[in-house]
Protein backbone atom coordinates (compact mmCIF):
# COMPACT_ATOMS: atom_id res chain seq x y z
CA MET A 1 202.05 -34.96 -138.99
CA LYS A 2 200.19 -37.64 -137.05
CA LEU A 3 202.50 -37.05 -134.06
CA ILE A 4 201.72 -33.31 -134.08
CA LYS A 5 197.97 -33.99 -134.11
CA THR A 6 198.29 -36.39 -131.20
CA LEU A 7 200.40 -33.97 -129.17
CA THR A 8 198.00 -31.13 -129.92
CA ARG A 9 195.04 -33.25 -128.86
CA TYR A 10 196.71 -34.19 -125.54
CA ALA A 11 197.69 -30.58 -124.93
CA LEU A 12 194.11 -29.43 -125.52
CA TYR A 13 192.71 -32.17 -123.24
CA THR A 14 195.17 -31.21 -120.53
CA LEU A 15 194.28 -27.53 -120.87
CA LEU A 16 190.55 -28.34 -120.76
CA CYS A 17 191.00 -30.40 -117.59
CA LEU A 18 192.95 -27.59 -115.93
CA VAL A 19 190.24 -25.08 -116.75
CA LEU A 20 187.44 -27.34 -115.52
CA PHE A 21 189.15 -28.27 -112.26
CA SER A 22 190.16 -24.70 -111.48
CA CYS A 23 186.50 -23.62 -111.50
CA SER A 24 185.71 -25.60 -108.36
CA ASP A 25 184.65 -24.14 -105.04
CA LYS A 26 187.27 -21.78 -103.75
CA GLN A 27 188.11 -20.88 -100.17
CA THR A 28 190.21 -18.21 -98.55
CA ARG A 29 191.84 -17.94 -95.14
CA CYS A 30 190.13 -15.95 -92.42
CA TYR A 31 190.93 -15.46 -88.72
CA VAL A 32 188.10 -16.09 -86.24
CA CYS A 33 188.33 -14.65 -82.74
CA GLU A 34 186.15 -15.50 -79.79
CA GLN A 35 185.25 -12.82 -77.26
CA SER A 36 187.97 -13.93 -74.82
CA GLU A 37 190.56 -13.86 -77.60
CA ASN A 38 189.55 -10.30 -78.49
CA LEU A 39 190.30 -9.30 -74.90
CA GLN A 40 193.71 -11.01 -75.14
CA ILE A 41 194.45 -9.02 -78.31
CA VAL A 42 193.60 -5.74 -76.58
CA ASP A 43 195.82 -6.74 -73.65
CA PHE A 44 198.64 -7.68 -76.06
CA VAL A 45 198.47 -4.31 -77.82
CA SER A 46 198.36 -2.32 -74.58
CA LYS A 47 201.31 -4.23 -73.08
CA ASN A 48 203.51 -3.95 -76.16
CA ILE A 49 202.73 -0.43 -77.37
CA LYS A 50 205.51 1.18 -75.34
CA ASP A 51 208.14 -1.31 -76.53
CA ALA A 52 206.97 -1.01 -80.13
CA ASN A 53 207.38 2.76 -80.15
CA ASN A 54 210.91 3.38 -81.37
CA MET A 55 210.62 7.17 -80.89
CA SER A 56 211.11 7.82 -84.58
CA ASP A 57 208.97 9.75 -87.04
CA GLU A 58 206.94 6.64 -87.80
CA GLU A 59 203.24 7.11 -87.33
CA MET A 60 201.87 5.43 -84.20
CA GLU A 61 198.75 4.42 -86.13
CA ASP A 62 200.92 2.09 -88.19
CA VAL A 63 202.50 0.61 -85.06
CA ILE A 64 199.10 0.01 -83.45
CA SER A 65 197.77 -1.56 -86.64
CA GLU A 66 200.73 -3.94 -86.87
CA LEU A 67 200.43 -4.87 -83.19
CA ARG A 68 196.73 -5.60 -83.68
CA LYS A 69 197.46 -7.81 -86.71
CA THR A 70 200.16 -9.64 -84.76
CA GLY A 71 197.78 -10.17 -81.83
CA ILE A 72 195.11 -11.58 -84.14
CA LYS A 73 197.61 -13.95 -85.72
CA LEU A 74 198.82 -15.08 -82.28
CA TYR A 75 195.53 -15.61 -80.46
CA CYS A 76 192.86 -16.34 -83.08
CA LYS A 77 192.33 -19.50 -85.08
CA GLN A 78 192.35 -19.75 -88.85
CA VAL A 79 189.43 -21.10 -90.81
CA PHE A 80 188.73 -21.32 -94.50
CA VAL A 81 185.61 -19.56 -95.76
CA PRO A 82 183.98 -19.80 -99.20
CA CYS A 83 184.82 -17.10 -101.70
CA THR A 84 184.30 -16.26 -105.34
CA TRP A 85 186.87 -16.63 -108.10
CA ASP A 86 188.17 -13.11 -107.41
CA ASN A 87 188.67 -13.85 -103.68
CA GLN A 88 185.60 -12.01 -102.40
CA ILE A 89 184.10 -13.76 -99.36
CA ILE A 90 180.55 -15.08 -99.74
CA TRP A 91 179.23 -13.84 -96.40
CA GLU A 92 175.86 -15.59 -96.75
CA GLU A 93 177.61 -18.98 -96.55
CA VAL A 94 179.85 -18.18 -93.59
CA LYS A 95 178.76 -19.84 -90.34
CA LYS A 96 179.47 -17.46 -87.49
CA ASP A 97 178.55 -17.33 -83.83
CA SER A 98 177.21 -14.03 -82.54
CA LEU A 99 180.22 -13.55 -80.24
CA GLN A 100 182.82 -14.27 -82.91
CA THR A 101 184.74 -11.66 -84.87
CA LEU A 102 185.99 -12.42 -88.37
CA HIS A 103 189.18 -10.85 -89.69
CA PRO A 104 189.51 -11.56 -93.42
CA TYR A 105 192.36 -10.53 -95.72
CA LEU A 106 194.91 -10.43 -92.92
CA TYR A 107 198.13 -11.69 -94.49
């Protein structure tokens, strides 16, 4: 009986520690593009649009969207920005230059 109480106590302490440490400041990944990088993305999309079109029934909007995402992942840098527990970015705490473009939730 004493062993069960001890194990229960350690299990509860471990669970309490996990809950307390999981409530810390959270951050999520975000891509940040400078103005020159935005121009490189546009150039990347325009150069690769013909090769990406496989002449099927697939919508071109989807192809353009995927090319844009690929260009952002290639040319822009990743930063971590503060967010809430449900992964919503806290925009008031994000430090951003006026010429930068943020692309969150791009996975």
